[in-house]
C-alpha atoms as a PDB file:
ATOM      1  CA  UNK A   1       0.023   0.103  -0.128  1.00  0.00           C
ATOM      2  CA  UNK A   2       1.263   3.513  -0.794  1.00  0.00           C
ATOM      3  CA  UNK A   3       1.300   6.348   1.618  1.00  0.00           C
ATOM      4  CA  UNK A   4       0.626   9.989   0.604  1.00  0.00           C
ATOM      5  CA  UNK A   5       2.094  12.645   2.895  1.00  0.00           C
ATOM      6  CA  UNK A   6       0.810  16.213   2.328  1.00  0.00           C
ATOM      7  CA  UNK A   7       3.341  18.991   2.915  1.00  0.00           C
ATOM      8  CA  UNK A   8       2.158  21.858   0.594  1.00  0.00           C
ATOM      9  CA  UNK A   9       0.514  24.055   3.156  1.00  0.00           C
ATOM     10  CA  UNK A  10       1.798  27.630   3.783  1.00  0.00           C
ATOM     11  CA  UNK A  11       2.601  27.092   7.315  1.00  0.00           C
ATOM     12  CA  UNK A  12       1.178  30.592   8.349  1.00  0.00           C
ATOM     13  CA  UNK A  13       1.140  29.918  12.111  1.00  0.00           C
ATOM     14  CA  UNK A  14       4.651  29.328  12.197  1.00  0.00           C
ATOM     15  CA  UNK A  15       5.819  32.457  10.418  1.00  0.00           C
ATOM     16  CA  UNK A  16       8.484  34.037  10.214  1.00  0.00           C
ATOM     17  CA  UNK A  17      10.183  30.618  10.223  1.00  0.00           C
ATOM     18  CA  UNK A  18       8.181  29.414   7.273  1.00  0.00           C
ATOM     19  CA  UNK A  19       8.858  32.495   5.232  1.00  0.00           C
ATOM     20  CA  UNK A  20      12.219  30.965   4.354  1.00  0.00           C
ATOM     21  CA  UNK A  21      11.440  27.085   4.376  1.00  0.00           C
ATOM     22  CA  UNK A  22       8.716  24.549   4.221  1.00  0.00           C
ATOM     23  CA  UNK A  23       7.154  23.687   7.475  1.00  0.00           C
ATOM     24  CA  UNK A  24       8.012  20.056   7.071  1.00  0.00           C
ATOM     25  CA  UNK A  25      11.802  21.116   6.841  1.00  0.00           C
ATOM     26  CA  UNK A  26      11.645  22.554  10.297  1.00  0.00           C
ATOM     27  CA  UNK A  27      13.564  20.473  12.836  1.00  0.00           C
ATOM     28  CA  UNK A  28      12.285  18.852  15.955  1.00  0.00           C
ATOM     29  CA  UNK A  29      14.518  16.780  18.160  1.00  0.00           C
ATOM     30  CA  UNK A  30      17.360  17.418  15.927  1.00  0.00           C
ATOM     31  CA  UNK A  31      15.721  16.191  12.706  1.00  0.00           C
ATOM     32  CA  UNK A  32      13.361  17.604  10.008  1.00  0.00           C
ATOM     33  CA  UNK A  33       9.588  16.866  10.392  1.00  0.00           C
ATOM     34  CA  UNK A  34       9.545  15.162   7.121  1.00  0.00           C
ATOM     35  CA  UNK A  35      12.407  12.908   8.170  1.00  0.00           C
ATOM     36  CA  UNK A  36      10.431  11.879  11.146  1.00  0.00           C
ATOM     37  CA  UNK A  37       7.440  11.285   9.237  1.00  0.00           C
ATOM     38  CA  UNK A  38       9.351   9.163   6.678  1.00  0.00           C
ATOM     39  CA  UNK A  39      11.043   6.963   9.462  1.00  0.00           C
ATOM     40  CA  UNK A  40       7.513   6.656  11.124  1.00  0.00           C
ATOM     41  CA  UNK A  41       5.793   5.388   7.940  1.00  0.00           C
ATOM     42  CA  UNK A  42       8.863   3.073   7.195  1.00  0.00           C
ATOM     43  CA  UNK A  43       8.259   1.591  10.558  1.00  0.00           C
ATOM     44  CA  UNK A  44       4.832   0.927   9.850  1.00  0.00           C
ATOM     45  CA  UNK A  45       5.535  -0.825   6.576  1.00  0.00           C
ATOM     46  CA  UNK A  46       5.091   1.831   4.233  1.00  0.00           C
ATOM     47  CA  UNK A  47       7.953   1.771   1.624  1.00  0.00           C
ATOM     48  CA  UNK A  48       6.271   3.514  -1.381  1.00  0.00           C
ATOM     49  CA  UNK A  49       5.608   7.230  -0.266  1.00  0.00           C
ATOM     50  CA  UNK A  50       4.199  10.152  -2.360  1.00  0.00           C
ATOM     51  CA  UNK A  51       4.893  13.717  -0.766  1.00  0.00           C
ATOM     52  CA  UNK A  52       2.773  16.624  -1.921  1.00  0.00           C
ATOM     53  CA  UNK A  53       4.684  19.665  -2.073  1.00  0.00           C
ATOM     54  CA  UNK A  54       4.297  23.339  -3.481  1.00  0.00           C
ATOM     55  CA  UNK A  55       6.519  24.641  -6.317  1.00  0.00           C
ATOM     56  CA  UNK A  56       8.663  26.528  -3.848  1.00  0.00           C
ATOM     57  CA  UNK A  57       9.465  23.526  -1.494  1.00  0.00           C
ATOM     58  CA  UNK A  58      12.052  21.899  -3.525  1.00  0.00           C
ATOM     59  CA  UNK A  59      14.403  21.547  -0.449  1.00  0.00           C
ATOM     60  CA  UNK A  60      12.098  18.652   0.749  1.00  0.00           C
ATOM     61  CA  UNK A  61      13.446  16.655  -1.981  1.00  0.00           C
ATOM     62  CA  UNK A  62      17.004  16.353  -0.355  1.00  0.00           C
ATOM     63  CA  UNK A  63      15.188  15.130   2.903  1.00  0.00           C
ATOM     64  CA  UNK A  64      13.820  12.191   1.062  1.00  0.00           C
ATOM     65  CA  UNK A  65      17.179  11.164  -0.367  1.00  0.00           C
ATOM     66  CA  UNK A  66      18.129  10.298   3.032  1.00  0.00           C
ATOM     67  CA  UNK A  67      15.322   7.810   3.589  1.00  0.00           C
ATOM     68  CA  UNK A  68      16.852   4.277   3.274  1.00  0.00           C
ATOM     69  CA  UNK A  69      14.515   1.570   2.028  1.00  0.00           C
ATOM     70  CA  UNK A  70      11.872   3.782   0.748  1.00  0.00           C
ATOM     71  CA  UNK A  71      10.797   5.000  -2.731  1.00  0.00           C
ATOM     72  CA  UNK A  72       9.624   8.555  -2.366  1.00  0.00           C
ATOM     73  CA  UNK A  73       7.962  10.349  -5.094  1.00  0.00           C
ATOM     74  CA  UNK A  74       7.072  14.046  -5.175  1.00  0.00           C
ATOM     75  CA  UNK A  75       3.842  15.729  -6.470  1.00  0.00           C
ATOM     76  CA  UNK A  76       3.465  19.283  -7.107  1.00  0.00           C
ATOM     77  CA  UNK A  77       0.356  20.993  -5.853  1.00  0.00           C
ATOM     78  CA  UNK A  78       0.657  24.396  -7.570  1.00  0.00           C
ATOM     79  CA  UNK A  79      -2.321  26.000  -5.894  1.00  0.00           C
ATOM     80  CA  UNK A  80      -3.032  25.167  -2.219  1.00  0.00           C
ATOM     81  CA  UNK A  81      -6.849  24.530  -2.427  1.00  0.00           C
ATOM     82  CA  UNK A  82      -7.170  22.051   0.337  1.00  0.00           C
ATOM     83  CA  UNK A  83      -6.601  18.445   1.293  1.00  0.00           C
ATOM     84  CA  UNK A  84      -9.063  16.851  -1.119  1.00  0.00           C
ATOM     85  CA  UNK A  85      -7.474  18.853  -3.932  1.00  0.00           C
ATOM     86  CA  UNK A  86      -4.018  17.510  -2.960  1.00  0.00           C
ATOM     87  CA  UNK A  87      -5.387  13.993  -3.068  1.00  0.00           C
ATOM     88  CA  UNK A  88      -6.880  14.776  -6.514  1.00  0.00           C
ATOM     89  CA  UNK A  89      -3.493  15.946  -7.776  1.00  0.00           C
ATOM     90  CA  UNK A  90      -1.987  12.817  -6.631  1.00  0.00           C
ATOM     91  CA  UNK A  91      -4.500  10.552  -8.269  1.00  0.00           C
ATOM     92  CA  UNK A  92      -1.993   9.494 -11.095  1.00  0.00           C
ATOM     93  CA  UNK A  93       0.485   8.336  -8.473  1.00  0.00           C
ATOM     94  CA  UNK A  94      -2.091   6.616  -6.285  1.00  0.00           C
ATOM     95  CA  UNK A  95      -3.852   4.739  -9.083  1.00  0.00           C
ATOM     96  CA  UNK A  96      -6.878   2.616  -8.009  1.00  0.00           C
ATOM     97  CA  UNK A  97      -5.146   0.977  -5.037  1.00  0.00           C
ATOM     98  CA  UNK A  98      -5.981   1.648  -1.377  1.00  0.00           C
ATOM     99  CA  UNK A  99      -3.668   4.130   0.259  1.00  0.00           C
ATOM    100  CA  UNK A 100      -2.915   5.925   3.496  1.00  0.00           C
ATOM    101  CA  UNK A 101      -3.155   9.779   3.658  1.00  0.00           C
ATOM    102  CA  UNK A 102      -0.954  11.559   6.292  1.00  0.00           C
ATOM    103  CA  UNK A 103      -1.075  15.214   7.119  1.00  0.00           C
ATOM    104  CA  UNK A 104       2.474  16.613   7.203  1.00  0.00           C
ATOM    105  CA  UNK A 105       1.988  18.883  10.197  1.00  0.00           C
ATOM    106  CA  UNK A 106       1.232  16.006  12.621  1.00  0.00           C
ATOM    107  CA  UNK A 107       3.562  13.736  14.574  1.00  0.00           C
ATOM    108  CA  UNK A 108       2.591  10.392  16.313  1.00  0.00           C
ATOM    109  CA  UNK A 109       3.958   7.236  17.660  1.00  0.00           C
ATOM    110  CA  UNK A 110       0.651   5.460  16.920  1.00  0.00           C
ATOM    111  CA  UNK A 111       0.874   1.921  15.853  1.00  0.00           C
ATOM    112  CA  UNK A 112      -0.737   1.730  12.515  1.00  0.00           C
ATOM    113  CA  UNK A 113      -1.011  -2.004  12.194  1.00  0.00           C
ATOM    114  CA  UNK A 114      -4.491  -2.217  14.223  1.00  0.00           C
ATOM    115  CA  UNK A 115      -5.904   0.478  11.883  1.00  0.00           C
ATOM    116  CA  UNK A 116      -4.664  -1.558   8.760  1.00  0.00           C
ATOM    117  CA  UNK A 117      -6.147  -4.736  10.118  1.00  0.00           C
ATOM    118  CA  UNK A 118      -9.476  -2.906  10.689  1.00  0.00           C
ATOM    119  CA  UNK A 119      -9.407  -1.590   7.279  1.00  0.00           C
ATOM    120  CA  UNK A 120      -8.820  -5.069   5.827  1.00  0.00           C
ATOM    121  CA  UNK A 121     -11.123  -7.007   8.027  1.00  0.00           C
ATOM    122  CA  UNK A 122     -14.125  -4.629   7.713  1.00  0.00           C
ATOM    123  CA  UNK A 123     -13.793  -4.045   4.018  1.00  0.00           C
ATOM    124  CA  UNK A 124     -14.259  -0.502   4.949  1.00  0.00           C
ATOM    125  CA  UNK A 125     -14.085   2.221   2.255  1.00  0.00           C
ATOM    126  CA  UNK A 126     -12.390   4.424   4.810  1.00  0.00           C
ATOM    127  CA  UNK A 127     -10.752   4.300   8.244  1.00  0.00           C
ATOM    128  CA  UNK A 128     -10.385   7.524  10.018  1.00  0.00           C
ATOM    129  CA  UNK A 129      -7.968   7.952  12.986  1.00  0.00           C
ATOM    130  CA  UNK A 130      -9.640  10.020  15.838  1.00  0.00           C
ATOM    131  CA  UNK A 131      -8.666  11.085  19.188  1.00  0.00           C
ATOM    132  CA  UNK A 132     -10.165  13.243  22.000  1.00  0.00           C
ATOM    133  CA  UNK A 133      -8.958  16.788  22.361  1.00  0.00           C
ATOM    134  CA  UNK A 134      -9.667  19.519  24.582  1.00  0.00           C
ATOM    135  CA  UNK A 135     -10.544  22.253  21.960  1.00  0.00           C
ATOM    136  CA  UNK A 136     -12.778  20.486  19.316  1.00  0.00           C
ATOM    137  CA  UNK A 137     -13.595  23.673  17.539  1.00  0.00           C
ATOM    138  CA  UNK A 138      -9.970  23.800  16.162  1.00  0.00           C
ATOM    139  CA  UNK A 139     -10.409  20.512  14.357  1.00  0.00           C
ATOM    140  CA  UNK A 140     -12.426  18.397  11.848  1.00  0.00           C
ATOM    141  CA  UNK A 141     -14.676  16.555  14.322  1.00  0.00           C
ATOM    142  CA  UNK A 142     -16.187  13.134  14.024  1.00  0.00           C
ATOM    143  CA  UNK A 143     -19.576  11.961  15.353  1.00  0.00           C
ATOM    144  CA  UNK A 144     -19.790   8.224  15.801  1.00  0.00           C
ATOM    145  CA  UNK A 145     -22.568   5.423  15.892  1.00  0.00           C
ATOM    146  CA  UNK A 146     -20.570   2.597  17.505  1.00  0.00           C
ATOM    147  CA  UNK A 147     -17.394   2.497  15.429  1.00  0.00           C
ATOM    148  CA  UNK A 148     -19.091   3.998  12.221  1.00  0.00           C
ATOM    149  CA  UNK A 149     -18.685   7.686  11.296  1.00  0.00           C
ATOM    150  CA  UNK A 150     -22.339   9.047  11.326  1.00  0.00           C
ATOM    151  CA  UNK A 151     -21.124  12.644  10.458  1.00  0.00           C
ATOM    152  CA  UNK A 152     -18.174  14.804  10.286  1.00  0.00           C
ATOM    153  CA  UNK A 153     -17.809  18.751  10.527  1.00  0.00           C
ATOM    154  CA  UNK A 154     -14.796  20.920   9.870  1.00  0.00           C
ATOM    155  CA  UNK A 155     -14.070  23.154  12.895  1.00  0.00           C
ATOM    156  CA  UNK A 156     -17.687  23.402  14.086  1.00  0.00           C
ATOM    157  CA  UNK A 157     -18.588  26.422  16.005  1.00  0.00           C
ATOM    158  CA  UNK A 158     -20.680  24.028  18.220  1.00  0.00           C
ATOM    159  CA  UNK A 159     -19.038  20.611  18.258  1.00  0.00           C
ATOM    160  CA  UNK A 160     -21.123  17.529  18.744  1.00  0.00           C
ATOM    161  CA  UNK A 161     -18.134  15.446  19.966  1.00  0.00           C
ATOM    162  CA  UNK A 162     -14.678  15.833  21.070  1.00  0.00           C
ATOM    163  CA  UNK A 163     -13.289  13.407  18.682  1.00  0.00           C
ATOM    164  CA  UNK A 164     -10.846  15.090  16.366  1.00  0.00           C
ATOM    165  CA  UNK A 165      -9.937  13.729  13.051  1.00  0.00           C
ATOM    166  CA  UNK A 166      -6.195  13.203  13.714  1.00  0.00           C
ATOM    167  CA  UNK A 167      -4.754  13.621  10.114  1.00  0.00           C
ATOM    168  CA  UNK A 168      -4.469   9.848   9.328  1.00  0.00           C
ATOM    169  CA  UNK A 169      -6.825   8.183   6.892  1.00  0.00           C
ATOM    170  CA  UNK A 170      -6.880   5.025   4.933  1.00  0.00           C
ATOM    171  CA  UNK A 171      -8.998   5.108   1.783  1.00  0.00           C
ATOM    172  CA  UNK A 172      -9.983   2.804  -0.977  1.00  0.00           C
ATOM    173  CA  UNK A 173     -10.298   4.361  -4.536  1.00  0.00           C
ATOM    174  CA  UNK A 174     -13.983   5.133  -4.256  1.00  0.00           C
ATOM    175  CA  UNK A 175     -12.769   8.439  -2.519  1.00  0.00           C
ATOM    176  CA  UNK A 176     -11.563   9.628  -5.859  1.00  0.00           C
ATOM    177  CA  UNK A 177     -14.864   9.730  -7.289  1.00  0.00           C
ATOM    178  CA  UNK A 178     -16.416  11.577  -4.333  1.00  0.00           C
ATOM    179  CA  UNK A 179     -13.616  14.193  -4.540  1.00  0.00           C
ATOM    180  CA  UNK A 180     -14.151  14.692  -8.230  1.00  0.00           C
ATOM    181  CA  UNK A 181     -17.887  15.959  -7.399  1.00  0.00           C
ATOM    182  CA  UNK A 182     -16.796  18.263  -4.468  1.00  0.00           C
ATOM    183  CA  UNK A 183     -17.386  22.083  -4.487  1.00  0.00           C
ATOM    184  CA  UNK A 184     -15.100  24.530  -2.677  1.00  0.00           C
ATOM    185  CA  UNK A 185     -15.962  25.146   0.934  1.00  0.00           C
ATOM    186  CA  UNK A 186     -16.563  28.579   2.480  1.00  0.00           C
ATOM    187  CA  UNK A 187     -12.995  29.233   2.815  1.00  0.00           C
ATOM    188  CA  UNK A 188     -12.401  28.268  -0.880  1.00  0.00           C
ATOM    189  CA  UNK A 189     -10.906  24.781  -0.281  1.00  0.00           C
ATOM    190  CA  UNK A 190     -11.751  21.289  -1.163  1.00  0.00           C
ATOM    191  CA  UNK A 191     -12.171  19.787   2.184  1.00  0.00           C
ATOM    192  CA  UNK A 192     -11.377  16.076   3.080  1.00  0.00           C
ATOM    193  CA  UNK A 193     -14.297  16.233   5.668  1.00  0.00           C
ATOM    194  CA  UNK A 194     -16.616  16.976   2.827  1.00  0.00           C
ATOM    195  CA  UNK A 195     -15.193  13.913   0.903  1.00  0.00           C
ATOM    196  CA  UNK A 196     -15.731  11.737   4.017  1.00  0.00           C
ATOM    197  CA  UNK A 197     -19.390  13.046   4.397  1.00  0.00           C
ATOM    198  CA  UNK A 198     -19.847  12.332   0.605  1.00  0.00           C
ATOM    199  CA  UNK A 199     -18.724   8.643   1.226  1.00  0.00           C
ATOM    200  CA  UNK A 200     -20.988   8.425   4.433  1.00  0.00           C
ATOM    201  CA  UNK A 201     -24.029   9.978   2.440  1.00  0.00           C
ATOM    202  CA  UNK A 202     -23.387   7.462  -0.530  1.00  0.00           C
ATOM    203  CA  UNK A 203     -23.790   4.533   2.017  1.00  0.00           C
ATOM    204  CA  UNK A 204     -20.130   3.656   2.149  1.00  0.00           C
ATOM    205  CA  UNK A 205     -18.700   1.956   5.237  1.00  0.00           C
ATOM    206  CA  UNK A 206     -16.612   4.539   6.941  1.00  0.00           C
ATOM    207  CA  UNK A 207     -15.344   3.605  10.459  1.00  0.00           C
ATOM    208  CA  UNK A 208     -13.189   5.161  13.112  1.00  0.00           C
ATOM    209  CA  UNK A 209      -9.681   4.171  14.574  1.00  0.00           C
ATOM    210  CA  UNK A 210      -9.526   5.387  18.128  1.00  0.00           C
ATOM    211  CA  UNK A 211      -5.721   6.405  18.578  1.00  0.00           C
ATOM    212  CA  UNK A 212      -4.102   5.308  21.773  1.00  0.00           C
ATOM    213  CA  UNK A 213      -0.431   6.638  21.075  1.00  0.00           C
ATOM    214  CA  UNK A 214       0.612  10.158  21.482  1.00  0.00           C
ATOM    215  CA  UNK A 215      -0.105  12.724  18.684  1.00  0.00           C
ATOM    216  CA  UNK A 216       0.677  16.204  18.169  1.00  0.00           C
ATOM    217  CA  UNK A 217      -0.335  18.922  15.736  1.00  0.00           C
ATOM    218  CA  UNK A 218       2.888  20.845  15.346  1.00  0.00           C
ATOM    219  CA  UNK A 219       1.545  23.674  12.980  1.00  0.00           C
ATOM    220  CA  UNK A 220       2.051  26.357  15.757  1.00  0.00           C
ATOM    221  CA  UNK A 221       5.065  27.383  17.712  1.00  0.00           C
ATOM    222  CA  UNK A 222       3.472  25.906  20.838  1.00  0.00           C
ATOM    223  CA  UNK A 223       2.706  22.607  18.907  1.00  0.00           C
ATOM    224  CA  UNK A 224       6.224  22.448  17.485  1.00  0.00           C
ATOM    225  CA  UNK A 225       7.794  22.730  21.093  1.00  0.00           C
ATOM    226  CA  UNK A 226       5.292  20.070  22.346  1.00  0.00           C
ATOM    227  CA  UNK A 227       6.426  17.689  19.374  1.00  0.00           C
ATOM    228  CA  UNK A 228       9.939  18.404  20.121  1.00  0.00           C
ATOM    229  CA  UNK A 229       9.406  17.347  23.876  1.00  0.00           C
ATOM    230  CA  UNK A 230       7.588  14.216  22.877  1.00  0.00           C
ATOM    231  CA  UNK A 231      10.274  13.107  20.527  1.00  0.00           C
ATOM    232  CA  UNK A 232      13.285  13.979  23.108  1.00  0.00           C
ATOM    233  CA  UNK A 233      11.418  11.779  25.571  1.00  0.00           C
ATOM    234  CA  UNK A 234      12.152   8.859  23.494  1.00  0.00           C
ATOM    235  CA  UNK A 235      15.818   9.493  22.676  1.00  0.00           C
ATOM    236  CA  UNK A 236      18.857   7.240  24.187  1.00  0.00           C
ATOM    237  CA  UNK A 237      22.185   8.919  24.965  1.00  0.00           C
ATOM    238  CA  UNK A 238      24.509   9.168  22.066  1.00  0.00           C
ATOM    239  CA  UNK A 239      27.690  11.255  22.412  1.00  0.00           C
ATOM    240  CA  UNK A 240      30.348  11.427  19.854  1.00  0.00           C
ATOM    241  CA  UNK A 241      33.522   9.758  21.133  1.00  0.00           C
ATOM    242  CA  UNK A 242      35.724  12.822  20.255  1.00  0.00           C
ATOM    243  CA  UNK A 243      33.751  15.177  22.532  1.00  0.00           C
ATOM    244  CA  UNK A 244      35.655  16.320  25.686  1.00  0.00           C
ATOM    245  CA  UNK A 245      33.334  16.256  28.662  1.00  0.00           C
ATOM    246  CA  UNK A 246      35.943  17.147  31.194  1.00  0.00           C
ATOM    247  CA  UNK A 247      34.439  20.353  32.144  1.00  0.00           C
ATOM    248  CA  UNK A 248      30.694  19.288  31.577  1.00  0.00           C
ATOM    249  CA  UNK A 249      28.233  18.300  34.140  1.00  0.00           C
ATOM    250  CA  UNK A 250      25.698  15.914  32.520  1.00  0.00           C
ATOM    251  CA  UNK A 251      22.287  14.587  33.756  1.00  0.00           C
ATOM    252  CA  UNK A 252      19.770  12.668  31.890  1.00  0.00           C
ATOM    253  CA  UNK A 253      19.689  11.387  28.187  1.00  0.00           C
ATOM    254  CA  UNK A 254      21.585  13.627  25.590  1.00  0.00           C
ATOM    255  CA  UNK A 255      22.511  13.405  22.007  1.00  0.00           C
ATOM    256  CA  UNK A 256      25.866  15.298  21.156  1.00  0.00           C
ATOM    257  CA  UNK A 257      27.137  15.275  17.624  1.00  0.00           C
ATOM    258  CA  UNK A 258      30.680  15.163  16.318  1.00  0.00           C
ATOM    259  CA  UNK A 259      32.848  18.438  16.391  1.00  0.00           C
ATOM    260  CA  UNK A 260      30.903  19.854  19.413  1.00  0.00           C
ATOM    261  CA  UNK A 261      33.099  21.750  21.901  1.00  0.00           C
ATOM    262  CA  UNK A 262      31.948  22.263  25.485  1.00  0.00           C
ATOM    263  CA  UNK A 263      33.579  24.535  28.076  1.00  0.00           C
ATOM    264  CA  UNK A 264      32.185  24.793  31.572  1.00  0.00           C
ATOM    265  CA  UNK A 265      28.625  23.573  30.366  1.00  0.00           C
ATOM    266  CA  UNK A 266      25.849  21.975  32.318  1.00  0.00           C
ATOM    267  CA  UNK A 267      23.512  19.573  30.426  1.00  0.00           C
ATOM    268  CA  UNK A 268      20.405  18.353  31.716  1.00  0.00           C
ATOM    269  CA  UNK A 269      18.418  16.191  29.122  1.00  0.00           C
ATOM    270  CA  UNK A 270      16.536  15.152  27.347  1.00  0.00           C
ATOM    271  CA  UNK A 271      18.263  17.236  24.730  1.00  0.00           C
ATOM    272  CA  UNK A 272      20.080  17.388  21.403  1.00  0.00           C
ATOM    273  CA  UNK A 273      23.308  19.408  20.513  1.00  0.00           C
ATOM    274  CA  UNK A 274      24.004  19.480  16.746  1.00  0.00           C
ATOM    275  CA  UNK A 275      27.403  18.877  15.122  1.00  0.00           C
ATOM    276  CA  UNK A 276      29.984  21.615  15.202  1.00  0.00           C
ATOM    277  CA  UNK A 277      28.354  23.652  17.884  1.00  0.00           C
ATOM    278  CA  UNK A 278      30.403  25.473  20.707  1.00  0.00           C
ATOM    279  CA  UNK A 279      29.050  26.107  24.191  1.00  0.00           C
ATOM    280  CA  UNK A 280      30.673  27.788  26.911  1.00  0.00           C
ATOM    281  CA  UNK A 281      29.637  28.886  30.379  1.00  0.00           C
ATOM    282  CA  UNK A 282      26.239  27.717  29.550  1.00  0.00           C
ATOM    283  CA  UNK A 283      23.230  25.637  30.934  1.00  0.00           C
ATOM    284  CA  UNK A 284      21.119  23.532  28.426  1.00  0.00           C
ATOM    285  CA  UNK A 285      18.103  22.220  30.066  1.00  0.00           C
ATOM    286  CA  UNK A 286      15.381  19.570  29.313  1.00  0.00           C
ATOM    287  CA  UNK A 287      13.498  19.575  25.957  1.00  0.00           C
ATOM    288  CA  UNK A 288      16.003  21.756  23.882  1.00  0.00           C
ATOM    289  CA  UNK A 289      17.255  21.095  20.613  1.00  0.00           C
ATOM    290  CA  UNK A 290      20.433  22.954  19.506  1.00  0.00           C
ATOM    291  CA  UNK A 291      21.002  22.923  15.839  1.00  0.00           C
ATOM    292  CA  UNK A 292      24.313  22.430  13.899  1.00  0.00           C
ATOM    293  CA  UNK A 293      27.092  25.032  14.266  1.00  0.00           C
ATOM    294  CA  UNK A 294      25.516  26.906  17.130  1.00  0.00           C
ATOM    295  CA  UNK A 295      27.443  29.270  19.177  1.00  0.00           C
ATOM    296  CA  UNK A 296      26.275  29.787  22.707  1.00  0.00           C
ATOM    297  CA  UNK A 297      27.981  31.782  25.607  1.00  0.00           C
ATOM    298  CA  UNK A 298      26.502  32.237  29.104  1.00  0.00           C
ATOM    299  CA  UNK A 299      22.865  31.667  28.204  1.00  0.00           C
ATOM    300  CA  UNK A 300      20.549  29.172  29.856  1.00  0.00           C
ATOM    301  CA  UNK A 301      17.999  27.377  27.664  1.00  0.00           C
ATOM    302  CA  UNK A 302      15.173  25.226  28.365  1.00  0.00           C
ATOM    303  CA  UNK A 303      12.284  23.792  26.167  1.00  0.00           C
ATOM    304  CA  UNK A 304      13.484  25.616  23.113  1.00  0.00           C
ATOM    305  CA  UNK A 305      14.559  24.859  19.356  1.00  0.00           C
ATOM    306  CA  UNK A 306      17.492  26.641  17.833  1.00  0.00           C
ATOM    307  CA  UNK A 307      18.044  26.180  14.036  1.00  0.00           C
ATOM    308  CA  UNK A 308      21.586  25.910  12.645  1.00  0.00           C
ATOM    309  CA  UNK A 309      23.937  28.717  13.014  1.00  0.00           C
ATOM    310  CA  UNK A 310      22.244  30.406  16.032  1.00  0.00           C
ATOM    311  CA  UNK A 311      24.490  32.641  18.048  1.00  0.00           C
ATOM    312  CA  UNK A 312      23.790  33.587  21.725  1.00  0.00           C
ATOM    313  CA  UNK A 313      26.249  35.861  23.356  1.00  0.00           C
ATOM    314  CA  UNK A 314      24.082  36.455  26.448  1.00  0.00           C
ATOM    315  CA  UNK A 315      25.516  35.906  29.776  1.00  0.00           C
ATOM    316  CA  UNK A 316      22.944  35.313  32.506  1.00  0.00           C
ATOM    317  CA  UNK A 317      19.792  35.275  30.219  1.00  0.00           C
ATOM    318  CA  UNK A 318      17.556  32.711  30.550  1.00  0.00           C
ATOM    319  CA  UNK A 319      15.510  31.473  27.493  1.00  0.00           C
ATOM    320  CA  UNK A 320      12.396  29.369  27.800  1.00  0.00           C
ATOM    321  CA  UNK A 321      10.002  28.118  25.217  1.00  0.00           C
ATOM    322  CA  UNK A 322      12.001  29.706  22.259  1.00  0.00           C
ATOM    323  CA  UNK A 323      12.108  29.254  18.405  1.00  0.00           C
ATOM    324  CA  UNK A 324      15.202  30.958  16.917  1.00  0.00           C
ATOM    325  CA  UNK A 325      15.673  30.801  13.150  1.00  0.00           C
ATOM    326  CA  UNK A 326      18.762  29.855  11.255  1.00  0.00           C
ATOM    327  CA  UNK A 327      21.565  32.139  11.851  1.00  0.00           C
ATOM    328  CA  UNK A 328      19.631  34.243  14.576  1.00  0.00           C
ATOM    329  CA  UNK A 329      21.803  36.350  16.869  1.00  0.00           C
ATOM    330  CA  UNK A 330      20.717  37.164  20.478  1.00  0.00           C
ATOM    331  CA  UNK A 331      23.076  39.589  22.451  1.00  0.00           C
ATOM    332  CA  UNK A 332      22.363  40.837  25.876  1.00  0.00           C
ATOM    333  CA  UNK A 333      23.572  41.234  29.504  1.00  0.00           C
ATOM    334  CA  UNK A 334      20.211  41.274  31.261  1.00  0.00           C
ATOM    335  CA  UNK A 335      19.337  38.559  33.739  1.00  0.00           C
ATOM    336  CA  UNK A 336      15.717  38.151  33.126  1.00  0.00           C
ATOM    337  CA  UNK A 337      13.928  35.025  31.426  1.00  0.00           C
ATOM    338  CA  UNK A 338      12.779  35.678  27.849  1.00  0.00           C
ATOM    339  CA  UNK A 339      10.672  33.904  25.337  1.00  0.00           C
ATOM    340  CA  UNK A 340      11.428  34.517  21.698  1.00  0.00           C
ATOM    341  CA  UNK A 341      10.317  33.579  18.170  1.00  0.00           C
ATOM    342  CA  UNK A 342      13.093  34.996  15.949  1.00  0.00           C
ATOM    343  CA  UNK A 343      13.237  34.295  12.115  1.00  0.00           C
ATOM    344  CA  UNK A 344      16.254  33.444  10.022  1.00  0.00           C
ATOM    345  CA  UNK A 345      19.114  35.814  10.507  1.00  0.00           C
ATOM    346  CA  UNK A 346      17.131  37.860  13.118  1.00  0.00           C
ATOM    347  CA  UNK A 347      19.188  39.864  15.485  1.00  0.00           C
ATOM    348  CA  UNK A 348      18.081  40.963  18.986  1.00  0.00           C
ATOM    349  CA  UNK A 349      20.155  43.236  21.322  1.00  0.00           C
ATOM    350  CA  UNK A 350      18.565  43.664  24.752  1.00  0.00           C
ATOM    351  CA  UNK A 351      20.300  46.552  26.740  1.00  0.00           C
ATOM    352  CA  UNK A 352      20.291  45.997  30.578  1.00  0.00           C
ATOM    353  CA  UNK A 353      17.712  47.755  32.464  1.00  0.00           C
ATOM    354  CA  UNK A 354      15.036  48.155  29.579  1.00  0.00           C
ATOM    355  CA  UNK A 355      11.912  46.248  29.270  1.00  0.00           C
END
C-alpha cells in the first residue's frame, strides 16, 4: 500500500520561520519533520511514499534522499486548494489502489497495524483516525455511531463531539470519485471532511480508529515545542566519542554530535546538540534542541529549538519556550527570562535595565 504525505501548506502559524522554508523542513528533536514522518511510515511498513509539495518547497527533496529503504515520489500542488485537492493532484500516483493519507503537520507514535487490520477485516471504504481533544472547535470533528462515522464537521462552532480527525486516513479508490464531485467550501478549499461526508452519504462503510499513542499537531510554535519534547522523551544517550566532557556536568539522556566543543557547560536532558556547535559557560536544560554550528556563551536554555547557526552571546539570560531561526543572533547582558520567536538571520540586542 502506498502512503501520501501532504506538505504543501503555507505554514502561516509558524511564520516567520516558514517564510524561508517549508514547515516540513523545520527541525524537531534534531531532525526535520519530514524525516520523522518518513521514518515513522517506514516503521509501519510503508515503503512507497508520495509527498505533495508546493513549487517553492524543493528543499524537501533532499530530505527524501536520506530515507533508506523507501521509494519517495514528489507531486506538485501548484495552488493550495485544500486536502482533498491535494489527493486529487496525486490521483495519477495513487492509481486505483488503497492508500494511507498522512497530514504533514502531525507527528505521532501510533501503531498503525491495528488500523490496517481494521481496514482489511471490515472491508471499509475508509478508516479515519480520531482522538479526544480539549479544543474540538479547532479541528475536523467526527460523530460516531458505535465505530462507524455518522457525520463529520470541519472546525464546528458548536462541536457535537470531542473526537478530532487526527490527520491519518486509510482510503479505497472510491474516494477519488467523491472528491471529483466536490465544490469549494466557504474558505475556498476542497475539504477532506466533505469527501468523508460524501462517502457516508453514499452509503459507504466509514469507520473510526481510536488512537492510543501520543499525537501532536505541530503547526504552531506551541505545537512544535510540544512535538519536540515528545520526541526527545524517546531518545537514548549518544555522544560522539571525540567530544571532551571534562568540564561538563551531565544529567539525563543527551545526543551530542561530532565536532561539538563544551567548556564549563551543564547539560540536563533530554536534549540534542547538533554537530559543530560551541557552548561555553552555558546551561542547556530539558527539551532543548540545538542546531548544527550553534555558538552559545553564557545563556541558559530550556524547552527551546535553535535552528542551525544560531549565536547567543548572552551571559545570565534565561531563554524558555523559544524558537530561533537559522543564523539568529541574541546579544544581551540582562538577567531576566525571555521567550522568543525569531526568524532566520534575526538579530536581537537587549540592553540592561530596559523592558
